[in-house]
Amino acid sequence: MKNIFFVALAIVCSSATITAQSKAPKEVETAFYSKFPKATKVKWDKENATEYEASFTENNVKHSANYSSKGEWLETESPTTFVQLPAKVQNTFNTSHKGAKIKAVAKIENNKGETQYEIEVKKGLKTVEYFYNQDGKLVQ
């Protein structure tokens, strides 16, 4: 009898987890589809108590966008390439990390009108993320 109870409990908990990750509040989804009407393959994750992240595809490119629980757009992260980065960002990175193995590059636009660039680098067994502003200054 205990085994049946634990199996039932596990099923209930896992279905609650799936529901929590596949949905966002209506105002968040409405704001998202207003900004990204052509988005497909949308998957929602709750980042924390007040923020949701949508992973999605638009024009065959994967993106992510973060929203407050009230539906306010916070930021969008889109993949890019190193050669598409501003020259100042490339120069700063190359000066500090000559020969580094780049795993991924992304452009991050936020609701303050700022753009940052994320460069993920493989260092040994770890992945390190560097964030630069448009002027090539390391910000994080």
N, C-alpha and C. Protein backbone atom coordinates (compact mmCIF):
# COMPACT_ATOMS: atom_id res chain seq x y z
N MET A 1 0.82 -1.20 0.00
CA MET A 1 0.00 0.00 0.00
C MET A 1 0.87 1.26 0.00
N LYS A 2 1.99 1.22 0.78
CA LYS A 2 2.89 2.37 0.82
C LYS A 2 3.46 2.65 -0.57
N ASN A 3 3.81 1.58 -1.28
CA ASN A 3 4.38 1.75 -2.62
C ASN A 3 3.41 2.43 -3.56
N ILE A 4 2.14 2.06 -3.50
CA ILE A 4 1.13 2.68 -4.36
C ILE A 4 1.00 4.16 -4.03
N PHE A 5 1.05 4.49 -2.74
CA PHE A 5 0.96 5.89 -2.32
C PHE A 5 2.13 6.70 -2.88
N PHE A 6 3.35 6.17 -2.76
CA PHE A 6 4.52 6.90 -3.22
C PHE A 6 4.54 7.04 -4.75
N VAL A 7 4.08 6.02 -5.45
CA VAL A 7 3.99 6.11 -6.91
C VAL A 7 2.98 7.18 -7.30
N ALA A 8 1.83 7.19 -6.65
CA ALA A 8 0.80 8.20 -6.93
C ALA A 8 1.32 9.60 -6.62
N LEU A 9 2.02 9.73 -5.49
CA LEU A 9 2.59 11.02 -5.10
C LEU A 9 3.61 11.49 -6.14
N ALA A 10 4.44 10.58 -6.61
CA ALA A 10 5.45 10.94 -7.61
C ALA A 10 4.79 11.40 -8.91
N ILE A 11 3.72 10.74 -9.32
CA ILE A 11 3.02 11.13 -10.54
C ILE A 11 2.40 12.51 -10.40
N VAL A 12 1.77 12.77 -9.27
CA VAL A 12 1.16 14.08 -9.02
C VAL A 12 2.22 15.17 -9.02
N CYS A 13 3.33 14.94 -8.33
CA CYS A 13 4.40 15.95 -8.27
C CYS A 13 5.01 16.20 -9.64
N SER A 14 5.25 15.15 -10.40
CA SER A 14 5.87 15.35 -11.71
C SER A 14 4.92 16.07 -12.66
N SER A 15 3.64 15.80 -12.60
CA SER A 15 2.71 16.51 -13.48
C SER A 15 2.58 17.96 -13.07
N ALA A 16 2.69 18.26 -11.79
CA ALA A 16 2.66 19.65 -11.34
C ALA A 16 3.89 20.39 -11.83
N THR A 17 5.03 19.72 -11.83
CA THR A 17 6.26 20.33 -12.32
C THR A 17 6.15 20.61 -13.81
N ILE A 18 5.64 19.67 -14.58
CA ILE A 18 5.49 19.87 -16.02
C ILE A 18 4.55 21.05 -16.29
N THR A 19 3.46 21.15 -15.58
CA THR A 19 2.52 22.25 -15.76
C THR A 19 3.18 23.57 -15.43
N ALA A 20 3.94 23.60 -14.33
CA ALA A 20 4.58 24.85 -13.91
C ALA A 20 5.58 25.32 -14.95
N GLN A 21 6.24 24.41 -15.64
CA GLN A 21 7.26 24.80 -16.60
C GLN A 21 6.69 25.07 -17.99
N SER A 22 5.49 24.62 -18.26
CA SER A 22 4.96 24.79 -19.61
C SER A 22 4.00 25.97 -19.73
N LYS A 23 3.74 26.66 -18.65
CA LYS A 23 2.80 27.77 -18.66
C LYS A 23 3.41 28.98 -17.95
N ALA A 24 2.95 30.12 -18.34
CA ALA A 24 3.26 31.37 -17.65
C ALA A 24 1.92 32.05 -17.44
N PRO A 25 1.85 33.03 -16.53
CA PRO A 25 0.58 33.74 -16.34
C PRO A 25 0.10 34.35 -17.65
N LYS A 26 -1.19 34.49 -17.78
CA LYS A 26 -1.80 34.99 -19.03
C LYS A 26 -1.20 36.32 -19.47
N GLU A 27 -1.02 37.26 -18.52
CA GLU A 27 -0.47 38.56 -18.90
C GLU A 27 0.96 38.45 -19.43
N VAL A 28 1.72 37.47 -18.95
CA VAL A 28 3.08 37.25 -19.44
C VAL A 28 3.02 36.69 -20.87
N GLU A 29 2.19 35.69 -21.08
CA GLU A 29 2.06 35.11 -22.42
C GLU A 29 1.53 36.13 -23.43
N THR A 30 0.57 36.94 -23.02
CA THR A 30 0.01 37.97 -23.90
C THR A 30 1.09 38.96 -24.32
N ALA A 31 1.89 39.42 -23.35
CA ALA A 31 2.97 40.36 -23.65
C ALA A 31 4.01 39.72 -24.56
N PHE A 32 4.32 38.46 -24.30
CA PHE A 32 5.30 37.74 -25.11
C PHE A 32 4.85 37.65 -26.57
N TYR A 33 3.62 37.17 -26.80
CA TYR A 33 3.15 37.01 -28.18
C TYR A 33 2.91 38.35 -28.88
N SER A 34 2.73 39.40 -28.11
CA SER A 34 2.62 40.73 -28.70
C SER A 34 3.98 41.16 -29.26
N LYS A 35 5.05 40.84 -28.54
CA LYS A 35 6.40 41.21 -28.97
C LYS A 35 6.97 40.22 -29.99
N PHE A 36 6.60 38.96 -29.87
CA PHE A 36 7.14 37.91 -30.75
C PHE A 36 5.99 37.12 -31.40
N PRO A 37 5.23 37.74 -32.30
CA PRO A 37 4.06 37.06 -32.87
C PRO A 37 4.40 35.83 -33.73
N LYS A 38 5.63 35.74 -34.22
CA LYS A 38 6.01 34.61 -35.08
C LYS A 38 6.74 33.52 -34.30
N ALA A 39 6.76 33.61 -32.98
CA ALA A 39 7.48 32.63 -32.16
C ALA A 39 6.83 31.26 -32.25
N THR A 40 7.67 30.24 -32.32
CA THR A 40 7.21 28.85 -32.30
C THR A 40 8.03 28.09 -31.28
N LYS A 41 7.61 26.88 -30.97
CA LYS A 41 8.32 26.00 -30.03
C LYS A 41 8.61 26.71 -28.72
N VAL A 42 7.61 27.38 -28.18
CA VAL A 42 7.78 28.17 -26.95
C VAL A 42 7.75 27.26 -25.74
N LYS A 43 8.75 27.40 -24.88
CA LYS A 43 8.83 26.65 -23.63
C LYS A 43 9.06 27.65 -22.51
N TRP A 44 8.24 27.58 -21.48
CA TRP A 44 8.34 28.50 -20.36
C TRP A 44 9.04 27.86 -19.17
N ASP A 45 9.89 28.66 -18.51
CA ASP A 45 10.51 28.27 -17.25
C ASP A 45 10.33 29.41 -16.27
N LYS A 46 10.08 29.07 -15.04
CA LYS A 46 9.98 30.09 -14.00
C LYS A 46 11.37 30.27 -13.42
N GLU A 47 11.96 31.44 -13.66
CA GLU A 47 13.32 31.72 -13.21
C GLU A 47 13.38 31.90 -11.70
N ASN A 48 12.41 32.63 -11.17
CA ASN A 48 12.30 32.87 -9.73
C ASN A 48 10.86 33.30 -9.44
N ALA A 49 10.62 33.82 -8.26
CA ALA A 49 9.24 34.15 -7.86
C ALA A 49 8.61 35.23 -8.72
N THR A 50 9.43 36.07 -9.38
CA THR A 50 8.87 37.20 -10.13
C THR A 50 9.28 37.25 -11.60
N GLU A 51 9.89 36.17 -12.11
CA GLU A 51 10.40 36.23 -13.48
C GLU A 51 10.20 34.91 -14.22
N TYR A 52 9.80 35.04 -15.50
CA TYR A 52 9.61 33.89 -16.38
C TYR A 52 10.51 34.03 -17.60
N GLU A 53 10.99 32.90 -18.10
CA GLU A 53 11.81 32.90 -19.31
C GLU A 53 11.15 32.02 -20.37
N ALA A 54 11.01 32.59 -21.55
CA ALA A 54 10.50 31.84 -22.70
C ALA A 54 11.67 31.48 -23.60
N SER A 55 11.84 30.21 -23.87
CA SER A 55 12.79 29.75 -24.89
C SER A 55 11.94 29.48 -26.12
N PHE A 56 12.35 30.01 -27.26
CA PHE A 56 11.51 29.90 -28.45
C PHE A 56 12.33 29.98 -29.72
N THR A 57 11.66 29.68 -30.82
CA THR A 57 12.28 29.77 -32.14
C THR A 57 11.54 30.83 -32.95
N GLU A 58 12.31 31.66 -33.63
CA GLU A 58 11.73 32.66 -34.52
C GLU A 58 12.63 32.72 -35.76
N ASN A 59 12.04 32.54 -36.92
CA ASN A 59 12.80 32.50 -38.18
C ASN A 59 13.92 31.46 -38.12
N ASN A 60 13.61 30.30 -37.57
CA ASN A 60 14.55 29.17 -37.45
C ASN A 60 15.76 29.46 -36.57
N VAL A 61 15.67 30.46 -35.69
CA VAL A 61 16.74 30.79 -34.77
C VAL A 61 16.19 30.71 -33.35
N LYS A 62 16.95 30.07 -32.44
CA LYS A 62 16.52 29.95 -31.05
C LYS A 62 16.87 31.22 -30.28
N HIS A 63 15.91 31.68 -29.48
CA HIS A 63 16.07 32.87 -28.65
C HIS A 63 15.54 32.56 -27.26
N SER A 64 15.78 33.51 -26.34
CA SER A 64 15.09 33.45 -25.05
C SER A 64 14.71 34.88 -24.67
N ALA A 65 13.59 35.00 -23.97
CA ALA A 65 13.12 36.31 -23.52
C ALA A 65 12.63 36.18 -22.09
N ASN A 66 12.96 37.17 -21.28
CA ASN A 66 12.54 37.16 -19.88
C ASN A 66 11.49 38.23 -19.65
N TYR A 67 10.51 37.86 -18.82
CA TYR A 67 9.40 38.75 -18.47
C TYR A 67 9.17 38.72 -16.97
N SER A 68 8.73 39.87 -16.44
CA SER A 68 8.31 39.89 -15.04
C SER A 68 6.99 39.15 -14.93
N SER A 69 6.61 38.79 -13.73
CA SER A 69 5.34 38.08 -13.54
C SER A 69 4.14 38.96 -13.88
N LYS A 70 4.36 40.26 -14.07
CA LYS A 70 3.29 41.18 -14.46
C LYS A 70 3.23 41.40 -15.97
N GLY A 71 4.11 40.72 -16.71
CA GLY A 71 4.09 40.82 -18.16
C GLY A 71 5.02 41.87 -18.73
N GLU A 72 5.90 42.42 -17.93
CA GLU A 72 6.86 43.42 -18.42
C GLU A 72 8.05 42.71 -19.05
N TRP A 73 8.34 43.05 -20.31
CA TRP A 73 9.50 42.49 -20.99
C TRP A 73 10.76 42.99 -20.30
N LEU A 74 11.69 42.09 -19.98
CA LEU A 74 12.93 42.45 -19.31
C LEU A 74 14.13 42.40 -20.25
N GLU A 75 14.26 41.30 -21.00
CA GLU A 75 15.39 41.19 -21.92
C GLU A 75 15.16 40.06 -22.91
N THR A 76 15.91 40.15 -24.01
CA THR A 76 15.91 39.09 -25.02
C THR A 76 17.36 38.73 -25.32
N GLU A 77 17.63 37.44 -25.38
CA GLU A 77 18.96 36.94 -25.71
C GLU A 77 18.87 36.19 -27.04
N SER A 78 19.74 36.59 -27.97
CA SER A 78 19.74 35.98 -29.30
C SER A 78 21.16 35.56 -29.66
N PRO A 79 21.30 34.44 -30.33
CA PRO A 79 22.64 34.00 -30.72
C PRO A 79 23.21 34.90 -31.81
N THR A 80 24.52 35.00 -31.81
CA THR A 80 25.22 35.74 -32.85
C THR A 80 26.58 35.07 -33.04
N THR A 81 27.43 35.67 -33.82
CA THR A 81 28.78 35.13 -34.00
C THR A 81 29.79 36.16 -33.53
N PHE A 82 31.00 35.69 -33.27
CA PHE A 82 32.05 36.59 -32.80
C PHE A 82 32.32 37.71 -33.81
N VAL A 83 32.34 37.38 -35.09
CA VAL A 83 32.65 38.39 -36.11
C VAL A 83 31.53 39.42 -36.25
N GLN A 84 30.33 39.12 -35.75
CA GLN A 84 29.23 40.09 -35.79
C GLN A 84 29.24 41.03 -34.58
N LEU A 85 30.12 40.78 -33.62
CA LEU A 85 30.21 41.67 -32.46
C LEU A 85 30.82 43.00 -32.87
N PRO A 86 30.51 44.08 -32.12
CA PRO A 86 31.17 45.35 -32.40
C PRO A 86 32.70 45.17 -32.29
N ALA A 87 33.43 45.91 -33.11
CA ALA A 87 34.89 45.80 -33.14
C ALA A 87 35.50 46.02 -31.76
N LYS A 88 34.95 46.96 -30.98
CA LYS A 88 35.49 47.23 -29.65
C LYS A 88 35.37 46.02 -28.73
N VAL A 89 34.27 45.28 -28.85
CA VAL A 89 34.08 44.07 -28.04
C VAL A 89 35.08 43.00 -28.47
N GLN A 90 35.23 42.82 -29.78
CA GLN A 90 36.19 41.84 -30.29
C GLN A 90 37.60 42.16 -29.82
N ASN A 91 37.98 43.43 -29.93
CA ASN A 91 39.34 43.84 -29.55
C ASN A 91 39.60 43.61 -28.07
N THR A 92 38.66 44.01 -27.21
CA THR A 92 38.83 43.83 -25.77
C THR A 92 38.95 42.35 -25.43
N PHE A 93 38.07 41.55 -26.01
CA PHE A 93 38.10 40.11 -25.73
C PHE A 93 39.42 39.50 -26.20
N ASN A 94 39.82 39.81 -27.42
CA ASN A 94 41.06 39.23 -27.97
C ASN A 94 42.28 39.64 -27.18
N THR A 95 42.28 40.85 -26.64
CA THR A 95 43.40 41.32 -25.83
C THR A 95 43.49 40.52 -24.53
N SER A 96 42.36 40.27 -23.91
CA SER A 96 42.34 39.59 -22.61
C SER A 96 42.34 38.07 -22.70
N HIS A 97 41.85 37.52 -23.79
CA HIS A 97 41.64 36.07 -23.87
C HIS A 97 42.17 35.48 -25.17
N LYS A 98 43.36 35.89 -25.53
CA LYS A 98 43.96 35.41 -26.78
C LYS A 98 44.02 33.88 -26.78
N GLY A 99 43.52 33.28 -27.86
CA GLY A 99 43.55 31.83 -28.00
C GLY A 99 42.46 31.09 -27.25
N ALA A 100 41.53 31.81 -26.63
CA ALA A 100 40.46 31.16 -25.87
C ALA A 100 39.52 30.39 -26.80
N LYS A 101 38.99 29.28 -26.31
CA LYS A 101 38.04 28.48 -27.09
C LYS A 101 36.63 28.98 -26.81
N ILE A 102 36.04 29.66 -27.79
CA ILE A 102 34.69 30.23 -27.64
C ILE A 102 33.65 29.14 -27.91
N LYS A 103 32.71 28.99 -26.95
CA LYS A 103 31.63 28.01 -27.10
C LYS A 103 30.40 28.64 -27.73
N ALA A 104 30.07 29.87 -27.30
CA ALA A 104 28.84 30.52 -27.79
C ALA A 104 28.96 32.03 -27.64
N VAL A 105 28.22 32.74 -28.47
CA VAL A 105 28.17 34.21 -28.42
C VAL A 105 26.71 34.62 -28.53
N ALA A 106 26.32 35.61 -27.71
CA ALA A 106 24.92 36.06 -27.73
C ALA A 106 24.84 37.57 -27.59
N LYS A 107 23.78 38.11 -28.13
CA LYS A 107 23.45 39.53 -28.00
C LYS A 107 22.27 39.61 -27.05
N ILE A 108 22.38 40.47 -26.03
CA ILE A 108 21.33 40.61 -25.02
C ILE A 108 20.84 42.05 -25.03
N GLU A 109 19.55 42.22 -25.32
CA GLU A 109 18.93 43.55 -25.32
C GLU A 109 17.97 43.60 -24.15
N ASN A 110 18.02 44.72 -23.37
CA ASN A 110 17.12 44.81 -22.22
C ASN A 110 16.15 45.97 -22.32
N ASN A 111 15.26 46.05 -21.34
CA ASN A 111 14.19 47.06 -21.37
C ASN A 111 14.68 48.47 -21.01
N LYS A 112 15.97 48.62 -20.74
CA LYS A 112 16.55 49.95 -20.49
C LYS A 112 17.19 50.51 -21.75
N GLY A 113 17.07 49.76 -22.85
CA GLY A 113 17.66 50.20 -24.11
C GLY A 113 19.14 49.86 -24.22
N GLU A 114 19.63 49.03 -23.32
CA GLU A 114 21.05 48.66 -23.33
C GLU A 114 21.24 47.35 -24.09
N THR A 115 22.41 47.23 -24.69
CA THR A 115 22.77 45.99 -25.36
C THR A 115 24.07 45.50 -24.75
N GLN A 116 24.09 44.23 -24.41
CA GLN A 116 25.30 43.58 -23.93
C GLN A 116 25.59 42.39 -24.82
N TYR A 117 26.83 41.95 -24.75
CA TYR A 117 27.26 40.81 -25.54
C TYR A 117 27.87 39.78 -24.59
N GLU A 118 27.41 38.56 -24.71
CA GLU A 118 27.88 37.47 -23.86
C GLU A 118 28.77 36.55 -24.69
N ILE A 119 29.94 36.26 -24.15
CA ILE A 119 30.85 35.32 -24.80
C ILE A 119 31.14 34.20 -23.80
N GLU A 120 30.77 32.98 -24.18
CA GLU A 120 31.02 31.81 -23.34
C GLU A 120 32.32 31.17 -23.80
N VAL A 121 33.21 30.92 -22.83
CA VAL A 121 34.53 30.40 -23.13
C VAL A 121 34.75 29.11 -22.34
N LYS A 122 35.35 28.14 -22.96
CA LYS A 122 35.71 26.89 -22.30
C LYS A 122 37.08 27.08 -21.67
N LYS A 123 37.15 26.90 -20.33
CA LYS A 123 38.41 26.98 -19.60
C LYS A 123 38.57 25.69 -18.81
N GLY A 124 39.36 24.79 -19.33
CA GLY A 124 39.50 23.48 -18.69
C GLY A 124 38.17 22.75 -18.76
N LEU A 125 37.67 22.35 -17.60
CA LEU A 125 36.38 21.65 -17.54
C LEU A 125 35.22 22.60 -17.31
N LYS A 126 35.52 23.88 -17.12
CA LYS A 126 34.47 24.86 -16.81
C LYS A 126 34.14 25.73 -18.01
N THR A 127 32.93 26.26 -17.99
CA THR A 127 32.51 27.26 -18.97
C THR A 127 32.40 28.58 -18.23
N VAL A 128 33.05 29.61 -18.76
CA VAL A 128 33.05 30.93 -18.15
C VAL A 128 32.33 31.89 -19.09
N GLU A 129 31.48 32.75 -18.53
CA GLU A 129 30.73 33.73 -19.33
C GLU A 129 31.29 35.12 -19.08
N TYR A 130 31.53 35.85 -20.15
CA TYR A 130 31.98 37.24 -20.08
C TYR A 130 30.92 38.11 -20.73
N PHE A 131 30.61 39.24 -20.09
CA PHE A 131 29.60 40.16 -20.60
C PHE A 131 30.26 41.50 -20.88
N TYR A 132 30.03 42.04 -22.07
CA TYR A 132 30.61 43.31 -22.49
C TYR A 132 29.50 44.26 -22.91
N ASN A 133 29.75 45.58 -22.69
CA ASN A 133 28.80 46.56 -23.22
C ASN A 133 29.21 46.89 -24.66
N GLN A 134 28.48 47.79 -25.29
CA GLN A 134 28.73 48.13 -26.70
C GLN A 134 30.09 48.77 -26.92
N ASP A 135 30.65 49.36 -25.85
CA ASP A 135 31.96 50.01 -25.97
C ASP A 135 33.11 49.05 -25.72
N GLY A 136 32.80 47.77 -25.50
CA GLY A 136 33.84 46.78 -25.27
C GLY A 136 34.29 46.68 -23.84
N LYS A 137 33.59 47.34 -22.93
CA LYS A 137 33.96 47.28 -21.51
C LYS A 137 33.37 46.02 -20.89
N LEU A 138 34.21 45.27 -20.16
CA LEU A 138 33.75 44.09 -19.45
C LEU A 138 32.85 44.54 -18.31
N VAL A 139 31.61 44.08 -18.29
CA VAL A 139 30.66 44.52 -17.26
C VAL A 139 30.32 43.43 -16.26
N GLN A 140 30.66 42.20 -16.57
CA GLN A 140 30.36 41.11 -15.64
C GLN A 140 31.23 39.92 -15.92
